[in-house]
Structure formats: C-alpha cells, structure tokens
Amino acid sequence: MAELLPMRPKAEPVEPLWRELAGDVLRQRRHERGEKLRDTAGRAGISTQYLSEIERGRKDPSSEVLAAVAGALGLSLLDLTVGVARRLHVPDVQAPIRRDASKVRGPLALAA
C-alpha cells in the first residue's frame, strides 16, 4: 500500500508591491508612446538604468522622481495612481455591485 504524504497548506497569494505596479504602468505608457528607455529617462532627468529598475519594480523612487518620469510620459501623479489602482482591483463577480467605496474588496498594495 502506498504511503500518503500530508498535504501542504495552501499558500496565501502574495500581494504586489506598489512600486512593481507603478513600474508596470510607466512601462506600458512608454511602450504606448513608442519610446525607448533613453528617451523617457533623458526627459525625466534620470539615467536609463535607473528608469529600467523603476519599471521592473526593483527601485523605490522618491515622489519627485515618480513625478518626473510620469511627467516625461505625459502623465500626472493622479494618472499613475489610478493606473496602479486599476491593477489592484479584483472584482468579486459573485457579489452585487457596490456603490460604497468603503466596502470595496481586493488586494492592497504593500508600501515596502
């Protein structure tokens, strides 16, 4: 008779970091504009390598750097924040539509 191994507990899903989602939004916008890293980085006043690390979620840039990169891509900080929020939102397809924002469910962005 074969020995049964104990089941591993189901791992909780890991919530994305805010910097990773912000990097995704910035990269998507840059690609939509058909720009190379060096073009956007030059207008933002940062190095190409640093912009690459921001887009990949490896660096946690200051609000000033985020504003510079967003501005170089024709985005405001509000645009960037809304883009991140859209990536965080996971609709509960079984729940009725809610009008109260305090009851919105879904993952939260970690600030670390």
PDB file of N, CA and C in Angstrom:
ATOM      1  N   MET A   1       0.842  -1.181   0.000  1.00  0.00           N
ATOM      2  CA  MET A   1       0.000   0.000   0.000  1.00  0.00           C
ATOM      3  C   MET A   1       0.889   1.247   0.000  1.00  0.00           C
ATOM      4  N   ALA A   2       0.581   2.178  -0.839  1.00  0.00           N
ATOM      5  CA  ALA A   2       1.382   3.393  -0.977  1.00  0.00           C
ATOM      6  C   ALA A   2       1.153   4.310   0.219  1.00  0.00           C
ATOM      7  N   GLU A   3       2.231   4.909   0.669  1.00  0.00           N
ATOM      8  CA  GLU A   3       2.142   5.833   1.805  1.00  0.00           C
ATOM      9  C   GLU A   3       1.675   7.198   1.305  1.00  0.00           C
ATOM     10  N   LEU A   4       0.701   7.760   1.956  1.00  0.00           N
ATOM     11  CA  LEU A   4       0.184   9.071   1.581  1.00  0.00           C
ATOM     12  C   LEU A   4       0.988  10.157   2.286  1.00  0.00           C
ATOM     13  N   LEU A   5       1.380  11.136   1.528  1.00  0.00           N
ATOM     14  CA  LEU A   5       2.104  12.265   2.101  1.00  0.00           C
ATOM     15  C   LEU A   5       1.106  13.305   2.574  1.00  0.00           C
ATOM     16  N   PRO A   6       1.416  13.997   3.663  1.00  0.00           N
ATOM     17  CA  PRO A   6       0.487  15.037   4.125  1.00  0.00           C
ATOM     18  C   PRO A   6       0.412  16.167   3.103  1.00  0.00           C
ATOM     19  N   MET A   7      -0.768  16.742   2.979  1.00  0.00           N
ATOM     20  CA  MET A   7      -0.960  17.854   2.047  1.00  0.00           C
ATOM     21  C   MET A   7      -0.324  19.119   2.622  1.00  0.00           C
ATOM     22  N   ARG A   8       0.286  19.876   1.756  1.00  0.00           N
ATOM     23  CA  ARG A   8       0.851  21.162   2.169  1.00  0.00           C
ATOM     24  C   ARG A   8      -0.274  22.173   2.311  1.00  0.00           C
ATOM     25  N   PRO A   9      -0.156  23.048   3.300  1.00  0.00           N
ATOM     26  CA  PRO A   9      -1.188  24.081   3.406  1.00  0.00           C
ATOM     27  C   PRO A   9      -1.128  24.996   2.186  1.00  0.00           C
ATOM     28  N   LYS A  10      -2.277  25.456   1.765  1.00  0.00           N
ATOM     29  CA  LYS A  10      -2.352  26.338   0.598  1.00  0.00           C
ATOM     30  C   LYS A  10      -1.713  27.680   0.934  1.00  0.00           C
ATOM     31  N   ALA A  11      -0.795  28.107   0.106  1.00  0.00           N
ATOM     32  CA  ALA A  11      -0.115  29.386   0.337  1.00  0.00           C
ATOM     33  C   ALA A  11      -1.055  30.544   0.025  1.00  0.00           C
ATOM     34  N   GLU A  12      -1.004  31.539   0.856  1.00  0.00           N
ATOM     35  CA  GLU A  12      -1.788  32.753   0.612  1.00  0.00           C
ATOM     36  C   GLU A  12      -1.175  33.492  -0.566  1.00  0.00           C
ATOM     37  N   PRO A  13      -2.004  34.090  -1.425  1.00  0.00           N
ATOM     38  CA  PRO A  13      -1.436  34.855  -2.543  1.00  0.00           C
ATOM     39  C   PRO A  13      -0.654  36.057  -2.027  1.00  0.00           C
ATOM     40  N   VAL A  14       0.455  36.316  -2.668  1.00  0.00           N
ATOM     41  CA  VAL A  14       1.295  37.442  -2.271  1.00  0.00           C
ATOM     42  C   VAL A  14       0.792  38.691  -2.988  1.00  0.00           C
ATOM     43  N   GLU A  15       0.546  39.732  -2.218  1.00  0.00           N
ATOM     44  CA  GLU A  15       0.076  40.977  -2.815  1.00  0.00           C
ATOM     45  C   GLU A  15       1.245  41.692  -3.479  1.00  0.00           C
ATOM     46  N   PRO A  16       0.981  42.344  -4.599  1.00  0.00           N
ATOM     47  CA  PRO A  16       2.061  43.031  -5.314  1.00  0.00           C
ATOM     48  C   PRO A  16       2.521  44.272  -4.551  1.00  0.00           C
ATOM     49  N   LEU A  17       3.749  44.650  -4.782  1.00  0.00           N
ATOM     50  CA  LEU A  17       4.265  45.890  -4.219  1.00  0.00           C
ATOM     51  C   LEU A  17       3.808  47.058  -5.078  1.00  0.00           C
ATOM     52  N   TRP A  18       3.580  48.195  -4.460  1.00  0.00           N
ATOM     53  CA  TRP A  18       3.140  49.377  -5.191  1.00  0.00           C
ATOM     54  C   TRP A  18       4.162  49.755  -6.250  1.00  0.00           C
ATOM     55  N   ARG A  19       5.433  49.669  -5.901  1.00  0.00           N
ATOM     56  CA  ARG A  19       6.473  50.068  -6.857  1.00  0.00           C
ATOM     57  C   ARG A  19       6.471  49.176  -8.094  1.00  0.00           C
ATOM     58  N   GLU A  20       6.119  47.889  -7.946  1.00  0.00           N
ATOM     59  CA  GLU A  20       6.050  46.999  -9.106  1.00  0.00           C
ATOM     60  C   GLU A  20       4.898  47.398 -10.030  1.00  0.00           C
ATOM     61  N   LEU A  21       3.758  47.706  -9.442  1.00  0.00           N
ATOM     62  CA  LEU A  21       2.605  48.094 -10.244  1.00  0.00           C
ATOM     63  C   LEU A  21       2.820  49.452 -10.900  1.00  0.00           C
ATOM     64  N   ALA A  22       3.429  50.371 -10.171  1.00  0.00           N
ATOM     65  CA  ALA A  22       3.722  51.683 -10.749  1.00  0.00           C
ATOM     66  C   ALA A  22       4.693  51.525 -11.921  1.00  0.00           C
ATOM     67  N   GLY A  23       5.677  50.674 -11.757  1.00  0.00           N
ATOM     68  CA  GLY A  23       6.615  50.408 -12.846  1.00  0.00           C
ATOM     69  C   GLY A  23       5.916  49.836 -14.064  1.00  0.00           C
ATOM     70  N   ASP A  24       4.951  48.945 -13.826  1.00  0.00           N
ATOM     71  CA  ASP A  24       4.172  48.383 -14.939  1.00  0.00           C
ATOM     72  C   ASP A  24       3.415  49.472 -15.693  1.00  0.00           C
ATOM     73  N   VAL A  25       2.793  50.383 -14.940  1.00  0.00           N
ATOM     74  CA  VAL A  25       2.032  51.469 -15.563  1.00  0.00           C
ATOM     75  C   VAL A  25       2.961  52.350 -16.393  1.00  0.00           C
ATOM     76  N   LEU A  26       4.113  52.692 -15.834  1.00  0.00           N
ATOM     77  CA  LEU A  26       5.055  53.554 -16.552  1.00  0.00           C
ATOM     78  C   LEU A  26       5.589  52.868 -17.806  1.00  0.00           C
ATOM     79  N   ARG A  27       5.936  51.593 -17.699  1.00  0.00           N
ATOM     80  CA  ARG A  27       6.450  50.858 -18.863  1.00  0.00           C
ATOM     81  C   ARG A  27       5.385  50.761 -19.956  1.00  0.00           C
ATOM     82  N   GLN A  28       4.154  50.452 -19.551  1.00  0.00           N
ATOM     83  CA  GLN A  28       3.079  50.351 -20.537  1.00  0.00           C
ATOM     84  C   GLN A  28       2.896  51.674 -21.273  1.00  0.00           C
ATOM     85  N   ARG A  29       2.919  52.777 -20.533  1.00  0.00           N
ATOM     86  CA  ARG A  29       2.749  54.095 -21.153  1.00  0.00           C
ATOM     87  C   ARG A  29       3.900  54.394 -22.116  1.00  0.00           C
ATOM     88  N   ARG A  30       5.122  54.061 -21.698  1.00  0.00           N
ATOM     89  CA  ARG A  30       6.285  54.301 -22.556  1.00  0.00           C
ATOM     90  C   ARG A  30       6.160  53.502 -23.844  1.00  0.00           C
ATOM     91  N   HIS A  31       5.736  52.263 -23.714  1.00  0.00           N
ATOM     92  CA  HIS A  31       5.561  51.425 -24.917  1.00  0.00           C
ATOM     93  C   HIS A  31       4.446  51.962 -25.805  1.00  0.00           C
ATOM     94  N   GLU A  32       3.350  52.425 -25.210  1.00  0.00           N
ATOM     95  CA  GLU A  32       2.256  53.009 -25.991  1.00  0.00           C
ATOM     96  C   GLU A  32       2.737  54.202 -26.806  1.00  0.00           C
ATOM     97  N   ARG A  33       3.675  54.948 -26.248  1.00  0.00           N
ATOM     98  CA  ARG A  33       4.218  56.121 -26.934  1.00  0.00           C
ATOM     99  C   ARG A  33       5.337  55.753 -27.912  1.00  0.00           C
ATOM    100  N   GLY A  34       5.734  54.484 -27.905  1.00  0.00           N
ATOM    101  CA  GLY A  34       6.785  54.026 -28.807  1.00  0.00           C
ATOM    102  C   GLY A  34       8.154  54.591 -28.464  1.00  0.00           C
ATOM    103  N   GLU A  35       8.401  54.820 -27.192  1.00  0.00           N
ATOM    104  CA  GLU A  35       9.673  55.422 -26.763  1.00  0.00           C
ATOM    105  C   GLU A  35      10.650  54.382 -26.259  1.00  0.00           C
ATOM    106  N   LYS A  36      11.909  54.710 -26.375  1.00  0.00           N
ATOM    107  CA  LYS A  36      12.975  53.904 -25.797  1.00  0.00           C
ATOM    108  C   LYS A  36      13.257  54.427 -24.391  1.00  0.00           C
ATOM    109  N   LEU A  37      13.867  53.583 -23.573  1.00  0.00           N
ATOM    110  CA  LEU A  37      14.213  53.977 -22.207  1.00  0.00           C
ATOM    111  C   LEU A  37      14.993  55.285 -22.180  1.00  0.00           C
ATOM    112  N   ARG A  38      15.964  55.413 -23.080  1.00  0.00           N
ATOM    113  CA  ARG A  38      16.832  56.600 -23.058  1.00  0.00           C
ATOM    114  C   ARG A  38      16.055  57.887 -23.342  1.00  0.00           C
ATOM    115  N   ASP A  39      15.013  57.799 -24.190  1.00  0.00           N
ATOM    116  CA  ASP A  39      14.220  58.986 -24.500  1.00  0.00           C
ATOM    117  C   ASP A  39      13.481  59.492 -23.252  1.00  0.00           C
ATOM    118  N   THR A  40      12.773  58.579 -22.604  1.00  0.00           N
ATOM    119  CA  THR A  40      11.997  58.943 -21.414  1.00  0.00           C
ATOM    120  C   THR A  40      12.915  59.342 -20.273  1.00  0.00           C
ATOM    121  N   ALA A  41      13.970  58.571 -20.053  1.00  0.00           N
ATOM    122  CA  ALA A  41      14.910  58.870 -18.966  1.00  0.00           C
ATOM    123  C   ALA A  41      15.543  60.242 -19.159  1.00  0.00           C
ATOM    124  N   GLY A  42      15.907  60.571 -20.380  1.00  0.00           N
ATOM    125  CA  GLY A  42      16.510  61.870 -20.657  1.00  0.00           C
ATOM    126  C   GLY A  42      15.582  63.018 -20.293  1.00  0.00           C
ATOM    127  N   ARG A  43      14.306  62.909 -20.664  1.00  0.00           N
ATOM    128  CA  ARG A  43      13.352  63.974 -20.343  1.00  0.00           C
ATOM    129  C   ARG A  43      13.077  64.046 -18.841  1.00  0.00           C
ATOM    130  N   ALA A  44      13.138  62.894 -18.167  1.00  0.00           N
ATOM    131  CA  ALA A  44      12.874  62.865 -16.726  1.00  0.00           C
ATOM    132  C   ALA A  44      14.099  63.289 -15.915  1.00  0.00           C
ATOM    133  N   GLY A  45      15.268  63.325 -16.556  1.00  0.00           N
ATOM    134  CA  GLY A  45      16.486  63.725 -15.855  1.00  0.00           C
ATOM    135  C   GLY A  45      17.075  62.627 -14.985  1.00  0.00           C
ATOM    136  N   ILE A  46      16.858  61.373 -15.385  1.00  0.00           N
ATOM    137  CA  ILE A  46      17.436  60.247 -14.650  1.00  0.00           C
ATOM    138  C   ILE A  46      18.167  59.346 -15.641  1.00  0.00           C
ATOM    139  N   SER A  47      18.939  58.406 -15.121  1.00  0.00           N
ATOM    140  CA  SER A  47      19.678  57.510 -16.010  1.00  0.00           C
ATOM    141  C   SER A  47      18.751  56.450 -16.597  1.00  0.00           C
ATOM    142  N   THR A  48      19.162  55.926 -17.730  1.00  0.00           N
ATOM    143  CA  THR A  48      18.421  54.850 -18.387  1.00  0.00           C
ATOM    144  C   THR A  48      18.346  53.635 -17.473  1.00  0.00           C
ATOM    145  N   GLN A  49      19.433  53.312 -16.802  1.00  0.00           N
ATOM    146  CA  GLN A  49      19.472  52.162 -15.893  1.00  0.00           C
ATOM    147  C   GLN A  49      18.487  52.336 -14.746  1.00  0.00           C
ATOM    148  N   TYR A  50      18.419  53.548 -14.190  1.00  0.00           N
ATOM    149  CA  TYR A  50      17.508  53.794 -13.071  1.00  0.00           C
ATOM    150  C   TYR A  50      16.053  53.664 -13.535  1.00  0.00           C
ATOM    151  N   LEU A  51      15.722  54.190 -14.706  1.00  0.00           N
ATOM    152  CA  LEU A  51      14.369  54.054 -15.221  1.00  0.00           C
ATOM    153  C   LEU A  51      14.036  52.579 -15.444  1.00  0.00           C
ATOM    154  N   SER A  52      14.966  51.815 -15.960  1.00  0.00           N
ATOM    155  CA  SER A  52      14.746  50.384 -16.160  1.00  0.00           C
ATOM    156  C   SER A  52      14.435  49.701 -14.830  1.00  0.00           C
ATOM    157  N   GLU A  53      15.178  50.050 -13.777  1.00  0.00           N
ATOM    158  CA  GLU A  53      14.952  49.448 -12.460  1.00  0.00           C
ATOM    159  C   GLU A  53      13.608  49.870 -11.875  1.00  0.00           C
ATOM    160  N   ILE A  54      13.199  51.105 -12.133  1.00  0.00           N
ATOM    161  CA  ILE A  54      11.884  51.574 -11.682  1.00  0.00           C
ATOM    162  C   ILE A  54      10.795  50.769 -12.378  1.00  0.00           C
ATOM    163  N   GLU A  55      10.908  50.632 -13.691  1.00  0.00           N
ATOM    164  CA  GLU A  55       9.895  49.904 -14.454  1.00  0.00           C
ATOM    165  C   GLU A  55       9.788  48.442 -14.039  1.00  0.00           C
ATOM    166  N   ARG A  56      10.903  47.856 -13.625  1.00  0.00           N
ATOM    167  CA  ARG A  56      10.893  46.458 -13.202  1.00  0.00           C
ATOM    168  C   ARG A  56      10.529  46.294 -11.724  1.00  0.00           C
ATOM    169  N   GLY A  57      10.270  47.413 -11.037  1.00  0.00           N
ATOM    170  CA  GLY A  57       9.888  47.348  -9.629  1.00  0.00           C
ATOM    171  C   GLY A  57      11.033  47.038  -8.695  1.00  0.00           C
ATOM    172  N   ARG A  58      12.271  47.260  -9.161  1.00  0.00           N
ATOM    173  CA  ARG A  58      13.460  46.963  -8.354  1.00  0.00           C
ATOM    174  C   ARG A  58      13.852  48.129  -7.437  1.00  0.00           C
ATOM    175  N   LYS A  59      13.492  49.327  -7.832  1.00  0.00           N
ATOM    176  CA  LYS A  59      13.813  50.525  -7.048  1.00  0.00           C
ATOM    177  C   LYS A  59      12.529  51.163  -6.548  1.00  0.00           C
ATOM    178  N   ASP A  60      12.645  51.810  -5.404  1.00  0.00           N
ATOM    179  CA  ASP A  60      11.519  52.515  -4.803  1.00  0.00           C
ATOM    180  C   ASP A  60      11.811  54.010  -4.929  1.00  0.00           C
ATOM    181  N   PRO A  61      11.429  54.608  -6.064  1.00  0.00           N
ATOM    182  CA  PRO A  61      11.804  56.001  -6.324  1.00  0.00           C
ATOM    183  C   PRO A  61      11.057  56.977  -5.419  1.00  0.00           C
ATOM    184  N   SER A  62      11.650  58.145  -5.239  1.00  0.00           N
ATOM    185  CA  SER A  62      11.001  59.208  -4.467  1.00  0.00           C
ATOM    186  C   SER A  62       9.799  59.740  -5.247  1.00  0.00           C
ATOM    187  N   SER A  63       8.956  60.479  -4.551  1.00  0.00           N
ATOM    188  CA  SER A  63       7.794  61.067  -5.225  1.00  0.00           C
ATOM    189  C   SER A  63       8.236  62.045  -6.307  1.00  0.00           C
ATOM    190  N   GLU A  64       9.375  62.712  -6.099  1.00  0.00           N
ATOM    191  CA  GLU A  64       9.882  63.646  -7.099  1.00  0.00           C
ATOM    192  C   GLU A  64      10.290  62.923  -8.375  1.00  0.00           C
ATOM    193  N   VAL A  65      10.949  61.776  -8.224  1.00  0.00           N
ATOM    194  CA  VAL A  65      11.370  61.005  -9.393  1.00  0.00           C
ATOM    195  C   VAL A  65      10.151  60.432 -10.104  1.00  0.00           C
ATOM    196  N   LEU A  66       9.190  59.921  -9.340  1.00  0.00           N
ATOM    197  CA  LEU A  66       7.961  59.410  -9.966  1.00  0.00           C
ATOM    198  C   LEU A  66       7.251  60.505 -10.745  1.00  0.00           C
ATOM    199  N   ALA A  67       7.184  61.696 -10.152  1.00  0.00           N
ATOM    200  CA  ALA A  67       6.535  62.817 -10.843  1.00  0.00           C
ATOM    201  C   ALA A  67       7.293  63.173 -12.116  1.00  0.00           C
ATOM    202  N   ALA A  68       8.624  63.136 -12.073  1.00  0.00           N
ATOM    203  CA  ALA A  68       9.429  63.465 -13.253  1.00  0.00           C
ATOM    204  C   ALA A  68       9.217  62.439 -14.364  1.00  0.00           C
ATOM    205  N   VAL A  69       9.213  61.155 -14.011  1.00  0.00           N
ATOM    206  CA  VAL A  69       9.028  60.112 -15.022  1.00  0.00           C
ATOM    207  C   VAL A  69       7.607  60.162 -15.578  1.00  0.00           C
ATOM    208  N   ALA A  70       6.633  60.285 -14.685  1.00  0.00           N
ATOM    209  CA  ALA A  70       5.240  60.374 -15.136  1.00  0.00           C
ATOM    210  C   ALA A  70       5.072  61.575 -16.060  1.00  0.00           C
ATOM    211  N   GLY A  71       5.617  62.714 -15.657  1.00  0.00           N
ATOM    212  CA  GLY A  71       5.519  63.920 -16.487  1.00  0.00           C
ATOM    213  C   GLY A  71       6.181  63.755 -17.833  1.00  0.00           C
ATOM    214  N   ALA A  72       7.314  63.060 -17.862  1.00  0.00           N
ATOM    215  CA  ALA A  72       8.004  62.818 -19.125  1.00  0.00           C
ATOM    216  C   ALA A  72       7.159  61.948 -20.059  1.00  0.00           C
ATOM    217  N   LEU A  73       6.223  61.214 -19.473  1.00  0.00           N
ATOM    218  CA  LEU A  73       5.341  60.347 -20.265  1.00  0.00           C
ATOM    219  C   LEU A  73       3.954  60.958 -20.453  1.00  0.00           C
ATOM    220  N   GLY A  74       3.813  62.220 -20.060  1.00  0.00           N
ATOM    221  CA  GLY A  74       2.531  62.895 -20.224  1.00  0.00           C
ATOM    222  C   GLY A  74       1.480  62.462 -19.221  1.00  0.00           C
ATOM    223  N   LEU A  75       1.922  61.942 -18.079  1.00  0.00           N
ATOM    224  CA  LEU A  75       1.015  61.505 -17.025  1.00  0.00           C
ATOM    225  C   LEU A  75       1.150  62.399 -15.806  1.00  0.00           C
ATOM    226  N   SER A  76       0.079  62.546 -15.055  1.00  0.00           N
ATOM    227  CA  SER A  76       0.147  63.195 -13.753  1.00  0.00           C
ATOM    228  C   SER A  76       0.320  62.101 -12.694  1.00  0.00           C
ATOM    229  N   LEU A  77       0.624  62.500 -11.480  1.00  0.00           N
ATOM    230  CA  LEU A  77       0.695  61.509 -10.402  1.00  0.00           C
ATOM    231  C   LEU A  77      -0.667  60.866 -10.175  1.00  0.00           C
ATOM    232  N   LEU A  78      -1.731  61.633 -10.399  1.00  0.00           N
ATOM    233  CA  LEU A  78      -3.076  61.068 -10.289  1.00  0.00           C
ATOM    234  C   LEU A  78      -3.286  59.980 -11.343  1.00  0.00           C
ATOM    235  N   ASP A  79      -2.860  60.231 -12.580  1.00  0.00           N
ATOM    236  CA  ASP A  79      -2.964  59.226 -13.643  1.00  0.00           C
ATOM    237  C   ASP A  79      -2.222  57.948 -13.249  1.00  0.00           C
ATOM    238  N   LEU A  80      -1.022  58.129 -12.710  1.00  0.00           N
ATOM    239  CA  LEU A  80      -0.215  56.989 -12.293  1.00  0.00           C
ATOM    240  C   LEU A  80      -0.913  56.214 -11.181  1.00  0.00           C
ATOM    241  N   THR A  81      -1.438  56.935 -10.199  1.00  0.00           N
ATOM    242  CA  THR A  81      -2.113  56.295  -9.069  1.00  0.00           C
ATOM    243  C   THR A  81      -3.364  55.542  -9.520  1.00  0.00           C
ATOM    244  N   VAL A  82      -4.129  56.127 -10.414  1.00  0.00           N
ATOM    245  CA  VAL A  82      -5.328  55.461 -10.934  1.00  0.00           C
ATOM    246  C   VAL A  82      -4.925  54.194 -11.705  1.00  0.00           C
ATOM    247  N   GLY A  83      -3.851  54.272 -12.467  1.00  0.00           N
ATOM    248  CA  GLY A  83      -3.371  53.094 -13.193  1.00  0.00           C
ATOM    249  C   GLY A  83      -2.985  51.965 -12.254  1.00  0.00           C
ATOM    250  N   VAL A  84      -2.327  52.311 -11.152  1.00  0.00           N
ATOM    251  CA  VAL A  84      -1.962  51.303 -10.148  1.00  0.00           C
ATOM    252  C   VAL A  84      -3.229  50.738  -9.507  1.00  0.00           C
ATOM    253  N   ALA A  85      -4.165  51.611  -9.160  1.00  0.00           N
ATOM    254  CA  ALA A  85      -5.403  51.166  -8.514  1.00  0.00           C
ATOM    255  C   ALA A  85      -6.173  50.201  -9.408  1.00  0.00           C
ATOM    256  N   ARG A  86      -6.172  50.449 -10.694  1.00  0.00           N
ATOM    257  CA  ARG A  86      -6.873  49.544 -11.620  1.00  0.00           C
ATOM    258  C   ARG A  86      -6.234  48.158 -11.630  1.00  0.00           C
ATOM    259  N   ARG A  87      -4.933  48.110 -11.467  1.00  0.00           N
ATOM    260  CA  ARG A  87      -4.258  46.810 -11.431  1.00  0.00           C
ATOM    261  C   ARG A  87      -4.504  46.086 -10.110  1.00  0.00           C
ATOM    262  N   LEU A  88      -4.810  46.824  -9.069  1.00  0.00           N
ATOM    263  CA  LEU A  88      -5.082  46.221  -7.760  1.00  0.00           C
ATOM    264  C   LEU A  88      -6.502  45.698  -7.648  1.00  0.00           C
ATOM    265  N   HIS A  89      -7.416  46.308  -8.353  1.00  0.00           N
ATOM    266  CA  HIS A  89      -8.823  45.967  -8.201  1.00  0.00           C
ATOM    267  C   HIS A  89      -9.120  44.579  -8.763  1.00  0.00           C
ATOM    268  N   VAL A  90      -9.676  43.742  -7.908  1.00  0.00           N
ATOM    269  CA  VAL A  90     -10.107  42.417  -8.319  1.00  0.00           C
ATOM    270  C   VAL A  90     -11.606  42.349  -8.059  1.00  0.00           C
ATOM    271  N   PRO A  91     -12.407  42.402  -9.115  1.00  0.00           N
ATOM    272  CA  PRO A  91     -13.849  42.398  -8.895  1.00  0.00           C
ATOM    273  C   PRO A  91     -14.335  41.071  -8.321  1.00  0.00           C
ATOM    274  N   ASP A  92     -15.266  41.154  -7.401  1.00  0.00           N
ATOM    275  CA  ASP A  92     -15.893  39.975  -6.819  1.00  0.00           C
ATOM    276  C   ASP A  92     -17.117  39.687  -7.678  1.00  0.00           C
ATOM    277  N   VAL A  93     -16.987  38.751  -8.611  1.00  0.00           N
ATOM    278  CA  VAL A  93     -18.035  38.524  -9.599  1.00  0.00           C
ATOM    279  C   VAL A  93     -19.308  37.961  -8.995  1.00  0.00           C
ATOM    280  N   GLN A  94     -19.241  37.419  -7.785  1.00  0.00           N
ATOM    281  CA  GLN A  94     -20.428  36.862  -7.166  1.00  0.00           C
ATOM    282  C   GLN A  94     -21.146  37.879  -6.290  1.00  0.00           C
ATOM    283  N   ALA A  95     -20.502  38.988  -6.008  1.00  0.00           N
ATOM    284  CA  ALA A  95     -21.105  39.991  -5.135  1.00  0.00           C
ATOM    285  C   ALA A  95     -21.887  41.000  -5.967  1.00  0.00           C
ATOM    286  N   PRO A  96     -22.937  41.565  -5.405  1.00  0.00           N
ATOM    287  CA  PRO A  96     -23.675  42.609  -6.130  1.00  0.00           C
ATOM    288  C   PRO A  96     -22.812  43.853  -6.289  1.00  0.00           C
ATOM    289  N   ILE A  97     -23.157  44.689  -7.250  1.00  0.00           N
ATOM    290  CA  ILE A  97     -22.426  45.933  -7.473  1.00  0.00           C
ATOM    291  C   ILE A  97     -22.585  46.813  -6.245  1.00  0.00           C
ATOM    292  N   ARG A  98     -21.470  47.347  -5.768  1.00  0.00           N
ATOM    293  CA  ARG A  98     -21.496  48.185  -4.577  1.00  0.00           C
ATOM    294  C   ARG A  98     -21.240  49.631  -4.965  1.00  0.00           C
ATOM    295  N   ARG A  99     -21.960  50.505  -4.336  1.00  0.00           N
ATOM    296  CA  ARG A  99     -21.766  51.933  -4.578  1.00  0.00           C
ATOM    297  C   ARG A  99     -20.908  52.570  -3.489  1.00  0.00           C
ATOM    298  N   ASP A 100     -20.722  51.885  -2.373  1.00  0.00           N
ATOM    299  CA  ASP A 100     -19.983  52.421  -1.234  1.00  0.00           C
ATOM    300  C   ASP A 100     -18.514  51.998  -1.343  1.00  0.00           C
ATOM    301  N   ALA A 101     -17.617  52.963  -1.551  1.00  0.00           N
ATOM    302  CA  ALA A 101     -16.190  52.655  -1.742  1.00  0.00           C
ATOM    303  C   ALA A 101     -15.570  52.023  -0.506  1.00  0.00           C
ATOM    304  N   SER A 102     -16.142  52.235   0.671  1.00  0.00           N
ATOM    305  CA  SER A 102     -15.569  51.663   1.893  1.00  0.00           C
ATOM    306  C   SER A 102     -15.735  50.150   1.935  1.00  0.00           C
ATOM    307  N   LYS A 103     -16.572  49.592   1.061  1.00  0.00           N
ATOM    308  CA  LYS A 103     -16.816  48.159   1.048  1.00  0.00           C
ATOM    309  C   LYS A 103     -16.106  47.446  -0.094  1.00  0.00           C
ATOM    310  N   VAL A 104     -15.239  48.138  -0.820  1.00  0.00           N
ATOM    311  CA  VAL A 104     -14.521  47.525  -1.938  1.00  0.00           C
ATOM    312  C   VAL A 104     -13.552  46.498  -1.385  1.00  0.00           C
ATOM    313  N   ARG A 105     -13.566  45.308  -1.984  1.00  0.00           N
ATOM    314  CA  ARG A 105     -12.670  44.239  -1.556  1.00  0.00           C
ATOM    315  C   ARG A 105     -11.607  44.004  -2.614  1.00  0.00           C
ATOM    316  N   GLY A 106     -10.467  43.534  -2.186  1.00  0.00           N
ATOM    317  CA  GLY A 106      -9.397  43.219  -3.122  1.00  0.00           C
ATOM    318  C   GLY A 106      -8.057  43.403  -2.451  1.00  0.00           C
ATOM    319  N   PRO A 107      -7.000  43.067  -3.136  1.00  0.00           N
ATOM    320  CA  PRO A 107      -5.673  43.172  -2.526  1.00  0.00           C
ATOM    321  C   PRO A 107      -5.247  44.627  -2.314  1.00  0.00           C
ATOM    322  N   LEU A 108      -4.421  44.801  -1.359  1.00  0.00           N
ATOM    323  CA  LEU A 108      -3.869  46.126  -1.085  1.00  0.00           C
ATOM    324  C   LEU A 108      -2.419  46.147  -1.536  1.00  0.00           C
ATOM    325  N   ALA A 109      -1.964  47.304  -1.947  1.00  0.00           N
ATOM    326  CA  ALA A 109      -0.560  47.431  -2.343  1.00  0.00           C
ATOM    327  C   ALA A 109       0.290  47.582  -1.087  1.00  0.00           C
ATOM    328  N   LEU A 110       1.357  46.876  -1.030  1.00  0.00           N
ATOM    329  CA  LEU A 110       2.286  46.993   0.075  1.00  0.00           C
ATOM    330  C   LEU A 110       3.244  48.140  -0.215  1.00  0.00           C
ATOM    331  N   ALA A 111       3.519  48.925   0.784  1.00  0.00           N
ATOM    332  CA  ALA A 111       4.376  50.091   0.587  1.00  0.00           C
ATOM    333  C   ALA A 111       5.851  49.757   0.723  1.00  0.00           C
ATOM    334  N   ALA A 112       6.177  48.559   1.082  1.00  0.00           N
ATOM    335  CA  ALA A 112       7.582  48.206   1.289  1.00  0.00           C
ATOM    336  C   ALA A 112       8.249  47.795   0.018  1.00  0.00           C
TER     337      ALA A 112
END
